[in-house]
Protein backbone atom coordinates (compact mmCIF):
# COMPACT_ATOMS: atom_id res chain seq x y z
CA UNK A 1 32.45 -241.26 -83.64
CA UNK A 2 34.56 -244.09 -84.98
CA UNK A 3 32.66 -243.95 -88.26
CA UNK A 4 33.13 -240.16 -88.46
CA UNK A 5 36.86 -240.60 -87.85
CA UNK A 6 37.33 -243.12 -90.66
CA UNK A 7 34.92 -241.48 -93.15
CA UNK A 8 36.37 -237.98 -92.66
CA UNK A 9 39.91 -239.33 -93.10
CA UNK A 10 39.00 -241.09 -96.37
CA UNK A 11 37.05 -238.04 -97.61
CA UNK A 12 40.01 -235.75 -96.97
CA UNK A 13 42.33 -238.14 -98.83
CA UNK A 14 39.97 -238.27 -101.82
CA UNK A 15 39.80 -234.45 -101.79
CA UNK A 16 43.59 -234.37 -102.22
CA UNK A 17 44.48 -233.18 -98.72
CA UNK A 18 48.06 -234.06 -97.70
CA UNK A 19 48.15 -237.29 -95.72
CA UNK A 20 49.45 -235.73 -92.49
CA UNK A 21 46.70 -233.10 -92.50
CA UNK A 22 44.08 -235.73 -93.34
CA UNK A 23 45.14 -237.73 -90.29
CA UNK A 24 45.31 -234.70 -87.98
CA UNK A 25 42.14 -232.92 -89.12
CA UNK A 26 39.95 -236.05 -88.93
CA UNK A 27 41.27 -236.75 -85.42
CA UNK A 28 40.73 -233.14 -84.34
CA UNK A 29 37.19 -233.18 -85.73
CA UNK A 30 36.24 -236.22 -83.65
CA UNK A 31 38.03 -234.76 -80.63
CA UNK A 32 35.94 -231.58 -80.89
CA UNK A 33 32.64 -233.36 -81.56
CA UNK A 34 33.10 -235.80 -78.70
CA UNK A 35 33.64 -233.03 -76.16
CA UNK A 36 37.05 -234.31 -75.07
CA UNK A 37 39.43 -231.66 -73.65
CA UNK A 38 41.45 -230.02 -76.42
CA UNK A 39 44.43 -229.87 -74.06
CA UNK A 40 44.96 -233.51 -74.99
CA UNK A 41 45.87 -232.49 -78.54
CA UNK A 42 49.34 -230.93 -78.00
CA UNK A 43 50.19 -233.49 -75.32
CA UNK A 44 49.41 -236.38 -77.66
CA UNK A 45 51.23 -234.74 -80.59
CA UNK A 46 54.36 -234.42 -78.48
CA UNK A 47 54.04 -237.96 -77.12
CA UNK A 48 53.81 -239.31 -80.67
CA UNK A 49 57.21 -237.95 -81.64
CA UNK A 50 58.89 -238.33 -78.23
CA UNK A 51 60.89 -241.50 -78.82
CA UNK A 52 64.66 -241.89 -78.80
CA UNK A 53 64.44 -244.51 -81.58
CA UNK A 54 62.99 -241.87 -83.93
CA UNK A 55 66.27 -239.94 -83.74
CA UNK A 56 67.48 -242.44 -86.34
CA UNK A 57 65.00 -241.20 -88.96
CA UNK A 58 66.57 -237.81 -89.91
CA UNK A 59 70.11 -239.22 -89.64
CA UNK A 60 69.43 -242.17 -91.96
CA UNK A 61 67.71 -239.84 -94.44
CA UNK A 62 70.71 -237.49 -94.43
CA UNK A 63 73.17 -240.40 -94.71
CA UNK A 64 71.25 -241.66 -97.76
CA UNK A 65 71.39 -238.24 -99.40
CA UNK A 66 75.13 -237.95 -98.75
CA UNK A 67 75.58 -241.42 -100.22
CA UNK A 68 73.80 -240.41 -103.43
CA UNK A 69 75.57 -237.04 -103.82
CA UNK A 70 78.95 -237.68 -102.23
CA UNK A 71 80.60 -239.95 -104.79
CA UNK A 72 80.16 -243.08 -102.67
CA UNK A 73 77.49 -244.82 -104.76
CA UNK A 74 79.32 -244.19 -108.06
CA UNK A 75 82.45 -245.97 -106.85
CA UNK A 76 80.49 -248.92 -105.46
CA UNK A 77 78.63 -249.25 -108.77
CA UNK A 78 81.89 -249.05 -110.76
CA UNK A 79 83.42 -251.90 -108.73
CA UNK A 80 80.24 -254.00 -109.08
CA UNK A 81 80.25 -253.45 -112.84
CA UNK A 82 83.89 -254.54 -113.17
CA UNK A 83 83.14 -257.70 -111.15
CA UNK A 84 79.79 -258.77 -112.66
CA UNK A 85 79.69 -257.05 -116.04
CA UNK A 86 81.17 -259.99 -118.00
CA UNK A 87 77.90 -261.94 -117.68
CA UNK A 88 75.38 -261.45 -120.51
CA UNK A 89 73.07 -258.75 -119.25
CA UNK A 90 75.61 -258.14 -116.50
CA UNK A 91 74.72 -254.48 -116.11
CA UNK A 92 71.18 -255.50 -115.13
CA UNK A 93 72.65 -257.71 -112.40
CA UNK A 94 74.96 -254.88 -111.36
CA UNK A 95 71.88 -252.64 -110.95
CA UNK A 96 70.29 -255.11 -108.54
CA UNK A 97 73.43 -256.00 -106.59
CA UNK A 98 74.36 -252.33 -106.26
CA UNK A 99 70.82 -251.60 -105.01
CA UNK A 100 71.15 -254.33 -102.39
CA UNK A 101 74.49 -252.97 -101.22
CA UNK A 102 73.40 -249.34 -101.17
CA UNK A 103 70.24 -250.42 -99.33
CA UNK A 104 72.55 -251.36 -96.46
CA UNK A 105 73.62 -247.73 -96.25
CA UNK A 106 70.68 -245.51 -97.18
CA UNK A 107 67.62 -247.06 -95.48
CA UNK A 108 65.46 -245.47 -98.20
CA UNK A 109 63.97 -246.84 -101.39
CA UNK A 110 63.95 -243.50 -103.17
CA UNK A 111 67.59 -242.80 -102.22
CA UNK A 112 68.62 -246.27 -103.45
CA UNK A 113 66.80 -245.77 -106.76
CA UNK A 114 68.31 -242.31 -107.21
CA UNK A 115 71.86 -243.43 -106.40
CA UNK A 116 71.86 -246.50 -108.67
CA UNK A 117 69.79 -244.89 -111.42
CA UNK A 118 71.98 -241.81 -111.69
CA UNK A 119 75.12 -243.95 -111.95
CA UNK A 120 73.89 -246.76 -114.24
CA UNK A 121 70.94 -245.68 -116.41
CA UNK A 122 73.08 -243.60 -118.82
CA UNK A 123 75.47 -246.57 -119.22
CA UNK A 124 72.62 -249.02 -119.71
CA UNK A 125 71.17 -246.87 -122.49
CA UNK A 126 74.57 -246.40 -124.13
CA UNK A 127 75.28 -250.16 -124.19
CA UNK A 128 72.02 -251.11 -125.87
CA UNK A 129 69.73 -252.02 -122.99
CA UNK A 130 66.08 -251.03 -123.36
CA UNK A 131 65.72 -247.88 -121.30
CA UNK A 132 62.17 -248.58 -120.12
CA UNK A 133 63.14 -252.07 -118.88
CA UNK A 134 66.31 -250.73 -117.21
CA UNK A 135 64.41 -247.93 -115.45
CA UNK A 136 61.74 -250.39 -114.30
CA UNK A 137 64.38 -252.83 -113.01
CA UNK A 138 66.18 -250.15 -110.99
CA UNK A 139 62.85 -248.87 -109.61
CA UNK A 140 61.88 -252.42 -108.59
CA UNK A 141 65.31 -253.03 -107.03
CA UNK A 142 64.90 -249.76 -105.12
CA UNK A 143 62.22 -251.46 -103.02
CA UNK A 144 65.02 -253.47 -101.38
CA UNK A 145 66.27 -250.17 -99.92
CA UNK A 146 63.81 -250.36 -97.01
CA UNK A 147 64.05 -254.13 -96.46
CA UNK A 148 67.80 -254.70 -96.06
CA UNK A 149 68.74 -252.78 -92.90
CA UNK A 150 69.07 -250.05 -91.88
CA UNK A 151 65.49 -249.11 -92.74
CA UNK A 152 63.44 -246.05 -91.79
CA UNK A 153 60.08 -247.93 -91.99
CA UNK A 154 61.48 -250.64 -89.71
CA UNK A 155 62.38 -247.99 -87.14
CA UNK A 156 58.83 -246.61 -87.29
CA UNK A 157 57.27 -250.07 -86.97
CA UNK A 158 59.51 -250.98 -84.04
CA UNK A 159 58.44 -247.83 -82.17
CA UNK A 160 54.74 -248.52 -82.81
CA UNK A 161 54.88 -252.25 -82.01
CA UNK A 162 57.25 -251.82 -79.05
CA UNK A 163 59.88 -254.30 -80.23
CA UNK A 164 63.69 -253.92 -80.50
CA UNK A 165 64.81 -252.28 -83.76
CA UNK A 166 67.92 -254.49 -83.89
CA UNK A 167 65.83 -257.70 -84.06
CA UNK A 168 63.79 -256.27 -86.91
CA UNK A 169 66.97 -255.24 -88.71
CA UNK A 170 68.33 -258.78 -88.45
CA UNK A 171 65.07 -260.18 -89.79
CA UNK A 172 65.32 -258.05 -92.93
CA UNK A 173 68.45 -259.61 -94.44
CA UNK A 174 67.06 -262.87 -95.85
CA UNK A 175 63.88 -261.27 -97.30
CA UNK A 176 66.00 -258.53 -98.89
CA UNK A 177 68.33 -261.09 -100.48
CA UNK A 178 65.32 -263.09 -101.72
CA UNK A 179 63.88 -259.98 -103.37
CA UNK A 180 67.22 -259.26 -105.03
CA UNK A 181 67.64 -262.90 -106.06
CA UNK A 182 64.30 -263.17 -107.84
CA UNK A 183 64.93 -259.90 -109.69
CA UNK A 184 68.33 -261.22 -110.81
CA UNK A 185 66.71 -264.40 -112.16
CA UNK A 186 64.17 -262.33 -114.10
CA UNK A 187 66.87 -259.93 -115.37
CA UNK A 188 68.95 -262.87 -116.65
CA UNK A 189 65.89 -264.29 -118.44
CA UNK A 190 65.20 -260.97 -120.16
CA UNK A 191 68.89 -260.50 -121.03
CA UNK A 192 69.02 -263.89 -122.74
CA UNK A 193 65.70 -263.28 -124.53
CA UNK A 194 66.71 -259.82 -125.82
CA UNK A 195 70.37 -260.69 -126.35
CA UNK A 196 71.73 -257.93 -124.12
CA UNK A 197 75.51 -257.53 -124.33
CA UNK A 198 78.21 -258.40 -121.82
CA UNK A 199 80.72 -255.75 -120.76
CA UNK A 200 84.38 -255.85 -121.71
CA UNK A 201 86.69 -257.87 -119.52
CA UNK A 202 88.44 -255.96 -116.74
CA UNK A 203 91.83 -257.29 -115.66
CA UNK A 204 92.56 -258.20 -112.06
CA UNK A 205 94.77 -255.16 -111.38
CA UNK A 206 92.05 -252.77 -112.58
CA UNK A 207 89.48 -254.56 -110.41
CA UNK A 208 91.70 -254.20 -107.37
CA UNK A 209 92.14 -250.51 -108.12
CA UNK A 210 88.36 -250.05 -108.33
CA UNK A 211 87.94 -252.06 -105.14
CA UNK A 212 90.45 -249.86 -103.30
CA UNK A 213 88.66 -246.79 -104.61
CA UNK A 214 85.29 -248.11 -103.40
CA UNK A 215 86.57 -249.49 -100.09
CA UNK A 216 85.65 -246.40 -98.05
CA UNK A 217 82.08 -246.70 -99.27
CA UNK A 218 81.98 -250.47 -98.83
CA UNK A 219 82.99 -250.02 -95.19
CA UNK A 220 79.90 -247.88 -94.50
CA UNK A 221 77.38 -250.76 -94.00
CA UNK A 222 80.07 -252.78 -92.20
CA UNK A 223 80.47 -249.92 -89.72
CA UNK A 224 76.73 -249.30 -89.31
CA UNK A 225 75.48 -252.87 -89.05
CA UNK A 226 78.57 -254.22 -87.34
CA UNK A 227 78.28 -251.58 -84.65
CA UNK A 228 74.59 -252.33 -84.07
CA UNK A 229 74.80 -256.12 -83.92
CA UNK A 230 78.01 -256.16 -81.89
CA UNK A 231 76.34 -253.94 -79.31
CA UNK A 232 78.74 -251.01 -79.62
CA UNK A 233 75.91 -248.59 -80.37
CA UNK A 234 72.13 -248.50 -80.75
CA UNK A 235 70.41 -248.09 -84.16
CA UNK A 236 69.83 -244.40 -83.36
CA UNK A 237 73.50 -243.90 -82.53
CA UNK A 238 74.42 -245.91 -85.65
CA UNK A 239 72.45 -243.45 -87.78
CA UNK A 240 74.48 -240.55 -86.39
CA UNK A 241 77.72 -242.50 -86.94
CA UNK A 242 76.62 -243.16 -90.55
CA UNK A 243 76.23 -239.43 -91.17
CA UNK A 244 79.60 -238.54 -89.65
CA UNK A 245 81.41 -241.31 -91.54
CA UNK A 246 79.65 -240.53 -94.85
CA UNK A 247 80.48 -236.84 -94.44
CA UNK A 248 84.13 -237.61 -93.78
CA UNK A 249 84.36 -239.83 -96.87
CA UNK A 250 82.44 -237.44 -99.16
CA UNK A 251 84.24 -234.27 -98.00
CA UNK A 252 87.80 -235.38 -97.35
CA UNK A 253 88.39 -238.73 -99.08
CA UNK A 254 86.42 -238.54 -102.36
CA UNK A 255 86.08 -234.74 -102.25
CA UNK A 256 82.84 -234.97 -104.21
CA UNK A 257 80.88 -232.77 -101.81
CA UNK A 258 81.37 -229.13 -100.91
CA UNK A 259 79.72 -227.13 -98.14
CA UNK A 260 77.23 -225.52 -100.53
CA UNK A 261 75.94 -228.96 -101.61
CA UNK A 262 76.03 -230.12 -98.00
CA UNK A 263 73.81 -227.21 -96.95
CA UNK A 264 71.22 -228.22 -99.56
CA UNK A 265 71.37 -231.87 -98.45
CA UNK A 266 70.86 -230.91 -94.80
CA UNK A 267 67.88 -228.69 -95.67
CA UNK A 268 66.30 -231.38 -97.86
CA UNK A 269 66.82 -234.03 -95.19
CA UNK A 270 65.33 -231.66 -92.59
CA UNK A 271 62.23 -231.05 -94.72
CA UNK A 272 61.72 -234.76 -95.40
CA UNK A 273 62.27 -235.65 -91.73
CA UNK A 274 59.85 -232.96 -90.54
CA UNK A 275 57.14 -234.32 -92.83
CA UNK A 276 57.66 -237.86 -91.50
CA UNK A 277 57.72 -236.66 -87.89
CA UNK A 278 54.54 -234.62 -88.44
CA UNK A 279 52.84 -237.73 -89.83
CA UNK A 280 54.00 -239.72 -86.78
CA UNK A 281 52.79 -237.03 -84.37
CA UNK A 282 49.34 -236.69 -85.96
CA UNK A 283 49.01 -240.46 -86.30
CA UNK A 284 49.43 -240.71 -82.52
CA UNK A 285 46.19 -238.76 -82.10
CA UNK A 286 44.56 -240.81 -84.84
CA UNK A 287 45.75 -244.06 -83.24
CA UNK A 288 44.58 -242.94 -79.81
CA UNK A 289 41.07 -242.30 -81.19
CA UNK A 290 41.11 -245.61 -83.06
CA UNK A 291 41.93 -247.39 -79.80
CA UNK A 292 39.38 -245.35 -77.79
CA UNK A 293 36.56 -246.36 -80.16
CA UNK A 294 37.93 -249.93 -80.36
CA UNK A 295 38.24 -249.83 -84.16
CA UNK A 296 41.32 -252.14 -84.29
CA UNK A 297 39.49 -254.70 -82.17
CA UNK A 298 36.47 -254.51 -84.49
CA UNK A 299 38.70 -254.88 -87.55
CA UNK A 300 40.41 -257.87 -85.92
CA UNK A 301 37.03 -259.45 -85.14
CA UNK A 302 35.86 -258.86 -88.71
CA UNK A 303 39.00 -260.35 -90.23
CA UNK A 304 38.89 -263.36 -87.89
CA UNK A 305 35.20 -263.96 -88.58
CA UNK A 306 35.58 -263.65 -92.37
CA UNK A 307 38.58 -266.00 -92.42
CA UNK A 308 37.23 -268.36 -89.76
CA UNK A 309 40.26 -267.61 -87.61
CA UNK A 310 42.49 -269.64 -89.94
CA UNK A 311 45.90 -268.01 -89.64
CA UNK A 312 46.79 -268.57 -93.30
CA UNK A 313 43.66 -266.78 -94.47
CA UNK A 314 44.16 -263.96 -91.93
CA UNK A 315 47.65 -263.33 -93.30
CA UNK A 316 46.38 -263.47 -96.89
CA UNK A 317 43.70 -260.85 -96.26
CA UNK A 318 46.09 -258.56 -94.38
CA UNK A 319 48.84 -258.88 -97.03
CA UNK A 320 46.31 -258.05 -99.75
CA UNK A 321 45.19 -254.93 -97.84
CA UNK A 322 48.82 -253.87 -97.24
CA UNK A 323 49.67 -254.25 -100.95
CA UNK A 324 46.62 -252.20 -101.97
CA UNK A 325 47.40 -249.51 -99.37
CA UNK A 326 50.99 -249.33 -100.62
CA UNK A 327 49.70 -248.54 -104.11
CA UNK A 328 47.95 -245.39 -102.93
CA UNK A 329 49.74 -244.19 -99.80
CA UNK A 330 53.25 -243.07 -98.94
CA UNK A 331 55.14 -245.78 -97.04
CA UNK A 332 55.55 -244.03 -93.66
CA UNK A 333 51.91 -242.88 -93.67
CA UNK A 334 50.56 -246.33 -94.51
CA UNK A 335 52.77 -247.96 -91.89
CA UNK A 336 51.78 -245.72 -88.98
CA UNK A 337 48.08 -246.05 -89.86
CA UNK A 338 47.87 -249.77 -90.68
CA UNK A 339 50.14 -251.19 -87.98
CA UNK A 340 47.90 -250.36 -84.98
CA UNK A 341 44.84 -251.57 -86.94
CA UNK A 342 46.25 -254.99 -87.87
CA UNK A 343 48.26 -255.79 -84.74
CA UNK A 344 45.23 -257.05 -82.72
CA UNK A 345 44.36 -259.51 -85.52
CA UNK A 346 47.94 -260.78 -85.70
CA UNK A 347 48.14 -261.13 -81.92
CA UNK A 348 44.75 -262.86 -81.97
CA UNK A 349 46.19 -265.72 -84.05
CA UNK A 350 49.44 -265.82 -82.04
CA UNK A 351 51.55 -264.21 -84.75
CA UNK A 352 55.12 -263.03 -84.18
CA UNK A 353 55.47 -259.23 -84.17
CA UNK A 354 58.95 -259.28 -85.73
CA UNK A 355 57.67 -261.53 -88.54
CA UNK A 356 54.69 -259.25 -89.09
CA UNK A 357 56.98 -256.22 -89.16
CA UNK A 358 58.86 -257.76 -92.08
CA UNK A 359 55.58 -258.55 -93.87
CA UNK A 360 54.43 -254.93 -93.49
CA UNK A 361 57.80 -253.56 -94.59
CA UNK A 362 58.05 -255.81 -97.67
CA UNK A 363 54.40 -255.25 -98.64
CA UNK A 364 54.66 -251.47 -98.42
CA UNK A 365 58.09 -251.54 -100.12
CA UNK A 366 56.47 -253.21 -103.13
CA UNK A 367 53.97 -250.35 -103.15
CA UNK A 368 56.88 -247.95 -103.71
CA UNK A 369 57.22 -249.39 -107.23
CA UNK A 370 53.52 -250.03 -107.91
CA UNK A 371 51.48 -247.31 -109.68
CA UNK A 372 49.71 -244.98 -109.20
CA UNK A 373 51.66 -243.68 -106.17
CA UNK A 374 55.11 -245.16 -106.82
CA UNK A 375 57.96 -243.00 -105.57
CA UNK A 376 60.65 -245.27 -107.06
CA UNK A 377 59.09 -245.00 -110.53
CA UNK A 378 58.87 -241.21 -110.20
CA UNK A 379 62.58 -241.08 -109.33
CA UNK A 380 63.47 -243.30 -112.31
CA UNK A 381 61.22 -241.16 -114.51
CA UNK A 382 62.99 -237.99 -113.42
CA UNK A 383 66.39 -239.51 -114.27
CA UNK A 384 65.40 -240.95 -117.68
CA UNK A 385 62.72 -238.54 -118.87
CA UNK A 386 60.39 -241.50 -119.50
CA UNK A 387 56.74 -241.21 -118.47
CA UNK A 388 55.18 -243.10 -115.58
CA UNK A 389 53.26 -245.25 -118.07
CA UNK A 390 56.39 -246.20 -120.06
CA UNK A 391 58.11 -247.50 -116.91
CA UNK A 392 54.96 -249.06 -115.43
CA UNK A 393 54.44 -251.57 -118.27
CA UNK A 394 57.76 -253.46 -117.97
CA UNK A 395 57.70 -253.32 -114.16
CA UNK A 396 54.53 -255.46 -113.87
CA UNK A 397 56.31 -258.89 -114.06
CA UNK A 398 58.84 -257.66 -111.49
CA UNK A 399 56.05 -256.61 -109.11
CA UNK A 400 54.43 -260.04 -109.49
CA UNK A 401 57.78 -261.68 -108.65
CA UNK A 402 58.20 -259.47 -105.57
CA UNK A 403 54.66 -260.28 -104.42
CA UNK A 404 55.56 -263.97 -104.69
CA UNK A 405 58.53 -263.31 -102.38
CA UNK A 406 56.23 -261.44 -99.97
CA UNK A 407 53.89 -264.46 -99.81
CA UNK A 408 56.87 -266.79 -99.35
CA UNK A 409 58.04 -264.70 -96.39
CA UNK A 410 54.51 -264.60 -95.01
CA UNK A 411 53.94 -268.36 -94.99
CA UNK A 412 57.48 -269.39 -94.05
CA UNK A 413 58.27 -267.27 -90.97
CA UNK A 414 61.64 -268.99 -90.47
CA UNK A 415 62.98 -267.04 -93.47
CA UNK A 416 62.78 -263.83 -91.48
CA UNK A 417 63.07 -265.18 -87.93
CA UNK A 418 66.13 -267.40 -88.44
CA UNK A 419 68.77 -264.70 -87.91
CA UNK A 420 67.05 -262.99 -84.92
CA UNK A 421 66.76 -266.45 -83.35
CA UNK A 422 70.55 -266.86 -83.46
CA UNK A 423 71.03 -263.69 -81.43
CA UNK A 424 69.14 -264.88 -78.34
């Protein structure tokens, strides 16, 4: 039955069946063939989505959409450009820094790519930057959107692994900054090599005016993350606060959003959230069957036997599998499927679940910018009109650099565990 479960799931994926249906149908097939009571199906579906922590998912998605459409991201980008633009290739650095900052608001890679790309790609093209490189850089920087908290994948992992979301959020800061740092180094190298221009100097008074204009947006991550880590509200409550605050700023401060646009944003966020929740619900049945037929234990035994139980080799094999899965699967789907499978192997070598959560998040985040299934590249393509292939070529060195960061995080756990350790 375990073989039927896995083979039917893979066959449905190859046939082009949507991931949520592939998960659910393969689980239902095994449920029917095994003679188990079908009453377990709706109960397990409900149990899969019945978690207070998951309330954060639709709210963070909506907050990210409001950020991109409500005038908040444009003002943050304008201030970043005035501050960093004087460096040669400064707009490239602005793209990355803005992505890191907006990541602390949106919790989504696609939303980060859309917000920064919409604001900066036209300017980058106008000022002589190669459009394919610029689109690739913003798509690669968009991966930071799910690593620097808040992060929707981190919420999902925390629910599956049974660990506090706040600890996982804290662990994401240093890896996110490392990802941004290595992209900045590469962007500076390319800027010097291609002789990209520096922006005109902006006087101090103009900078202060841009800062004051962006301050409402800059306060968003301070409010969200400050509230979580100070204990004033939970991550789920913080997501709701983020929506209310973003709405207030977009509607009444910047006045860049009307109720017609808001309606569309709410509908889009509802559709996206329902798809994620359906994946989570069906994956609960899938995970239950995996556990019943002891597939995770068998995978753990296989990995441990192949690697000789050496923790370094175990991590290397798992990271490789995560990176490959991220290339072909949507992030939430890959996370809810792979996490229960790999957890026994990680626990078998005494691994830290918070550390592993960061590894999974970073590995799957890289997949968001790695063809063929690369949502960040598709977003950049939609903004620029460039093809997937045109953006994929210049993004390869950036992906290699991000993989190097992923391996660094994997083999030096203190990079991700240092901040959570301070909160004990």
